[in-house]
Amino acid sequence: MMLWLAIPLTALLYLLVKKLSRRYKSPLMNTIMLPALAIIALLLLTGQDPADYQAGTRPLTLLLELAVVSFALPLYQQAAKIRQRRWPIVLCCSLSALISVGTTLVIGGMMQAEPRLLASITTKSITTPLAMSVSQTMGGIPAIAAGLVIIVGMMGAIIGFPLLKWAGIHNPEAQGLAMGASAHAIGTGAAVDAGPVQGAFASLAMVVCGIATAVLAPPLFHLYLWLIH
């Protein structure tokens, strides 16, 4: 039953939350988090097999790949601004990746986390397919990496812009870079809703930080392993 209801149910919940978010301006009205929680609750209450829901939403998963490619449009629209600031952007994104990976390893080391778990959470701030691939090359668990990426993305989409405004960061380019660097595709989606400039710079940060993390994470992780042994 869930196999056939998966797409209509997902679309209905998304449209409902989207309508509510326009009426009630709250960061908690997140079009990813609330439908996901509602579907999880429904599956638990009805005893339906999550695999049936996953199979039913397979067409949406395929469309998601195309949706990620569409982030290139705001990049093209803001190409002139990006070219003018290309080196500061590369520096900021590289530092963001270094800080993300470094702090994860330091905090994980202080908490005596298992290396396999650390390898799974080090890639928390990049998009899901890349995070799963990079964590697996370091001996991590791709499923944990994917789950953590989704959690980080939803947190960024919910508290990202309120936190930036509270910190006094109102420049749309800086906001976009921060969202893309910390909350990958989900944060980029929120940035696109905030404005074309935020969306373009978030898309760019998502790509650059993904590449930087893929390059930096494995050697830093192996350096960490060498230091603790």
Protein backbone atom coordinates (compact mmCIF):
# COMPACT_ATOMS: atom_id res chain seq x y z
CA MET A 1 0.00 0.00 0.00
CA MET A 2 2.74 2.46 0.96
CA LEU A 3 4.46 1.73 -2.34
CA TRP A 4 1.64 3.46 -4.24
CA LEU A 5 0.93 6.18 -1.69
CA ALA A 6 4.56 7.25 -1.24
CA ILE A 7 4.72 9.96 -3.91
CA PRO A 8 1.22 11.46 -3.33
CA LEU A 9 1.82 11.48 0.43
CA THR A 10 5.24 13.11 0.08
CA ALA A 11 3.94 15.75 -2.33
CA LEU A 12 0.91 16.51 -0.17
CA LEU A 13 2.96 16.95 3.00
CA TYR A 14 5.50 19.13 1.19
CA LEU A 15 2.82 21.41 -0.28
CA LEU A 16 1.04 21.64 3.06
CA VAL A 17 4.20 22.67 4.94
CA LYS A 18 5.13 25.06 2.12
CA LYS A 19 1.75 26.78 2.47
CA LEU A 20 2.08 26.95 6.25
CA SER A 21 5.62 28.38 5.96
CA ARG A 22 4.28 31.27 3.88
CA ARG A 23 1.64 32.01 6.48
CA TYR A 24 3.74 31.49 9.59
CA LYS A 25 7.24 32.95 9.18
CA SER A 26 9.15 30.59 11.45
CA PRO A 27 12.45 28.72 10.91
CA LEU A 28 10.72 25.61 12.27
CA MET A 29 8.40 25.58 9.25
CA ASN A 30 10.97 23.62 7.30
CA THR A 31 9.76 21.86 4.15
CA ILE A 32 12.22 19.02 4.64
CA MET A 33 12.16 18.42 8.38
CA LEU A 34 8.39 18.49 9.03
CA PRO A 35 7.35 16.19 6.15
CA ALA A 36 10.17 13.80 7.08
CA LEU A 37 9.05 13.68 10.71
CA ALA A 38 5.42 13.20 9.67
CA ILE A 39 6.31 10.30 7.36
CA ILE A 40 8.49 8.65 10.02
CA ALA A 41 5.64 8.92 12.54
CA LEU A 42 3.15 7.52 10.02
CA LEU A 43 5.39 4.55 9.20
CA LEU A 44 5.85 3.78 12.90
CA LEU A 45 2.15 4.09 13.72
CA THR A 46 0.94 1.97 10.79
CA GLY A 47 3.74 -0.59 10.89
CA GLN A 48 4.49 -0.10 7.19
CA ASP A 49 7.83 -1.23 5.80
CA PRO A 50 10.15 1.77 5.19
CA ALA A 51 11.59 -0.13 2.21
CA ASP A 52 8.19 0.11 0.49
CA TYR A 53 8.15 3.87 0.99
CA GLN A 54 11.72 4.14 -0.31
CA ALA A 55 10.84 2.11 -3.39
CA GLY A 56 7.75 4.21 -3.99
CA THR A 57 9.70 7.46 -3.92
CA ARG A 58 12.40 6.20 -6.30
CA PRO A 59 11.22 8.54 -9.12
CA LEU A 60 11.57 11.52 -6.77
CA THR A 61 15.10 10.40 -5.90
CA LEU A 62 16.02 10.40 -9.58
CA LEU A 63 14.53 13.88 -9.99
CA LEU A 64 16.56 15.07 -7.00
CA GLU A 65 19.75 14.60 -9.01
CA LEU A 66 18.38 16.94 -11.66
CA ALA A 67 17.31 19.42 -8.99
CA VAL A 68 20.87 19.62 -7.66
CA VAL A 69 22.10 20.43 -11.18
CA SER A 70 19.60 23.30 -11.32
CA PHE A 71 21.65 25.09 -8.64
CA ALA A 72 23.95 26.04 -11.53
CA LEU A 73 21.39 28.63 -12.71
CA PRO A 74 21.95 31.15 -9.87
CA LEU A 75 25.69 30.60 -10.32
CA TYR A 76 25.41 31.67 -13.95
CA GLN A 77 23.29 34.68 -13.00
CA GLN A 78 25.88 35.88 -10.48
CA ALA A 79 28.96 34.90 -12.53
CA ALA A 80 30.39 38.44 -12.68
CA LYS A 81 30.33 38.89 -8.88
CA ILE A 82 31.82 35.44 -8.39
CA ARG A 83 34.72 36.11 -10.76
CA GLN A 84 35.54 39.34 -8.92
CA ARG A 85 35.75 37.52 -5.59
CA ARG A 86 37.02 34.12 -6.69
CA TRP A 87 40.16 33.97 -4.51
CA PRO A 88 38.51 35.14 -1.27
CA ILE A 89 35.75 32.61 -1.97
CA VAL A 90 38.26 29.77 -2.46
CA LEU A 91 40.14 30.80 0.69
CA CYS A 92 36.98 31.01 2.82
CA CYS A 93 35.66 27.67 1.60
CA SER A 94 39.01 25.94 2.09
CA LEU A 95 39.27 27.30 5.64
CA SER A 96 35.68 26.22 6.29
CA ALA A 97 36.46 22.66 5.22
CA LEU A 98 39.66 22.63 7.28
CA ILE A 99 37.86 23.91 10.39
CA SER A 100 34.97 21.47 9.94
CA VAL A 101 37.22 18.42 9.59
CA GLY A 102 39.77 19.61 12.19
CA THR A 103 37.27 20.40 14.94
CA THR A 104 35.50 17.09 14.37
CA LEU A 105 38.74 15.16 14.80
CA VAL A 106 39.81 17.19 17.85
CA ILE A 107 36.47 16.90 19.64
CA GLY A 108 36.15 13.25 18.67
CA GLY A 109 39.64 12.57 19.98
CA MET A 110 38.84 14.29 23.28
CA MET A 111 35.74 12.09 23.59
CA GLN A 112 37.77 8.99 22.64
CA ALA A 113 35.49 8.20 19.72
CA GLU A 114 36.23 5.13 17.65
CA PRO A 115 38.15 5.87 14.43
CA ARG A 116 35.42 4.26 12.34
CA LEU A 117 32.82 6.58 13.85
CA LEU A 118 35.08 9.59 13.34
CA ALA A 119 35.54 8.65 9.70
CA SER A 120 31.76 8.61 9.36
CA ILE A 121 31.12 12.04 10.90
CA THR A 122 34.09 13.97 9.51
CA THR A 123 32.22 14.58 6.26
CA LYS A 124 29.10 15.97 7.94
CA SER A 125 29.07 19.31 6.11
CA ILE A 126 29.20 18.18 2.47
CA THR A 127 26.48 16.79 0.23
CA THR A 128 25.31 13.22 0.84
CA PRO A 129 26.78 11.23 -2.11
CA LEU A 130 30.20 12.81 -1.65
CA ALA A 131 30.08 12.37 2.14
CA MET A 132 29.26 8.68 1.81
CA SER A 133 32.04 8.11 -0.70
CA VAL A 134 34.73 10.00 1.23
CA SER A 135 33.82 8.45 4.58
CA GLN A 136 33.90 4.97 3.05
CA THR A 137 37.42 5.52 1.70
CA MET A 138 38.50 6.33 5.27
CA GLY A 139 36.87 3.19 6.67
CA GLY A 140 33.71 4.89 7.88
CA ILE A 141 30.07 3.78 7.70
CA PRO A 142 28.28 5.44 4.76
CA ALA A 143 24.83 5.11 6.35
CA ILE A 144 25.96 7.09 9.42
CA ALA A 145 27.59 9.69 7.18
CA ALA A 146 24.39 10.10 5.17
CA GLY A 147 22.19 10.38 8.24
CA LEU A 148 24.42 12.97 9.87
CA VAL A 149 24.59 15.02 6.65
CA ILE A 150 20.78 15.21 6.59
CA ILE A 151 20.64 16.23 10.25
CA VAL A 152 23.30 18.92 9.79
CA GLY A 153 21.56 20.21 6.67
CA MET A 154 18.19 20.49 8.39
CA MET A 155 19.73 22.24 11.40
CA GLY A 156 21.47 24.70 9.09
CA ALA A 157 18.28 25.39 7.15
CA ILE A 158 16.38 26.04 10.38
CA ILE A 159 18.82 28.11 12.43
CA GLY A 160 21.30 29.29 9.77
CA PHE A 161 19.77 32.62 8.74
CA PRO A 162 18.52 33.57 12.24
CA LEU A 163 22.01 32.86 13.61
CA LEU A 164 23.68 34.92 10.88
CA LYS A 165 21.35 37.85 11.50
CA TRP A 166 21.93 37.58 15.25
CA ALA A 167 25.68 37.72 14.57
CA GLY A 168 25.20 40.88 12.50
CA ILE A 169 26.03 39.24 9.16
CA HIS A 170 23.65 40.85 6.65
CA ASN A 171 25.76 40.71 3.49
CA PRO A 172 23.92 38.33 1.11
CA GLU A 173 27.15 36.97 -0.35
CA ALA A 174 28.55 36.12 3.09
CA GLN A 175 25.22 34.58 4.10
CA GLY A 176 25.20 32.38 1.01
CA LEU A 177 28.77 31.21 1.52
CA ALA A 178 28.07 30.36 5.15
CA MET A 179 24.92 28.39 4.33
CA GLY A 180 26.49 26.43 1.48
CA ALA A 181 29.66 25.69 3.43
CA SER A 182 27.92 24.46 6.57
CA ALA A 183 24.60 23.00 5.43
CA HIS A 184 25.34 21.77 1.86
CA ALA A 185 22.34 21.17 -0.46
CA ILE A 186 19.60 21.59 2.15
CA GLY A 187 21.10 24.87 3.32
CA THR A 188 21.55 25.92 -0.31
CA GLY A 189 17.85 25.33 -0.88
CA ALA A 190 17.07 27.66 2.03
CA ALA A 191 19.53 30.20 0.60
CA VAL A 192 17.80 30.09 -2.79
CA ASP A 193 14.51 30.90 -1.04
CA ALA A 194 16.21 33.85 0.69
CA GLY A 195 17.39 35.46 -2.55
CA PRO A 196 19.28 34.94 -5.83
CA VAL A 197 22.60 36.23 -4.48
CA GLN A 198 22.46 34.00 -1.39
CA GLY A 199 21.48 31.05 -3.59
CA ALA A 200 24.34 31.57 -6.05
CA PHE A 201 27.05 31.89 -3.39
CA ALA A 202 25.61 28.98 -1.40
CA SER A 203 25.72 26.79 -4.52
CA LEU A 204 29.33 27.76 -5.12
CA ALA A 205 30.32 27.15 -1.49
CA MET A 206 28.65 23.73 -1.54
CA VAL A 207 30.74 22.69 -4.55
CA VAL A 208 34.06 24.18 -3.39
CA CYS A 209 33.70 22.89 0.17
CA GLY A 210 32.80 19.45 -1.13
CA ILE A 211 35.98 19.33 -3.20
CA ALA A 212 38.11 20.79 -0.38
CA THR A 213 36.73 18.29 2.15
CA ALA A 214 37.31 15.37 -0.22
CA VAL A 215 40.93 16.49 -0.59
CA LEU A 216 41.63 17.43 3.06
CA ALA A 217 39.66 14.89 5.09
CA PRO A 218 41.57 11.66 4.26
CA PRO A 219 45.11 13.01 4.98
CA LEU A 220 43.93 14.80 8.13
CA PHE A 221 42.17 11.64 9.32
CA HIS A 222 45.26 9.51 8.73
CA LEU A 223 47.38 12.13 10.48
CA TYR A 224 45.01 11.89 13.46
CA LEU A 225 45.36 8.08 13.47
CA TRP A 226 49.15 8.41 13.37
CA LEU A 227 49.15 10.86 16.30
CA ILE A 228 47.01 8.71 18.59
CA HIS A 229 49.03 5.54 18.01
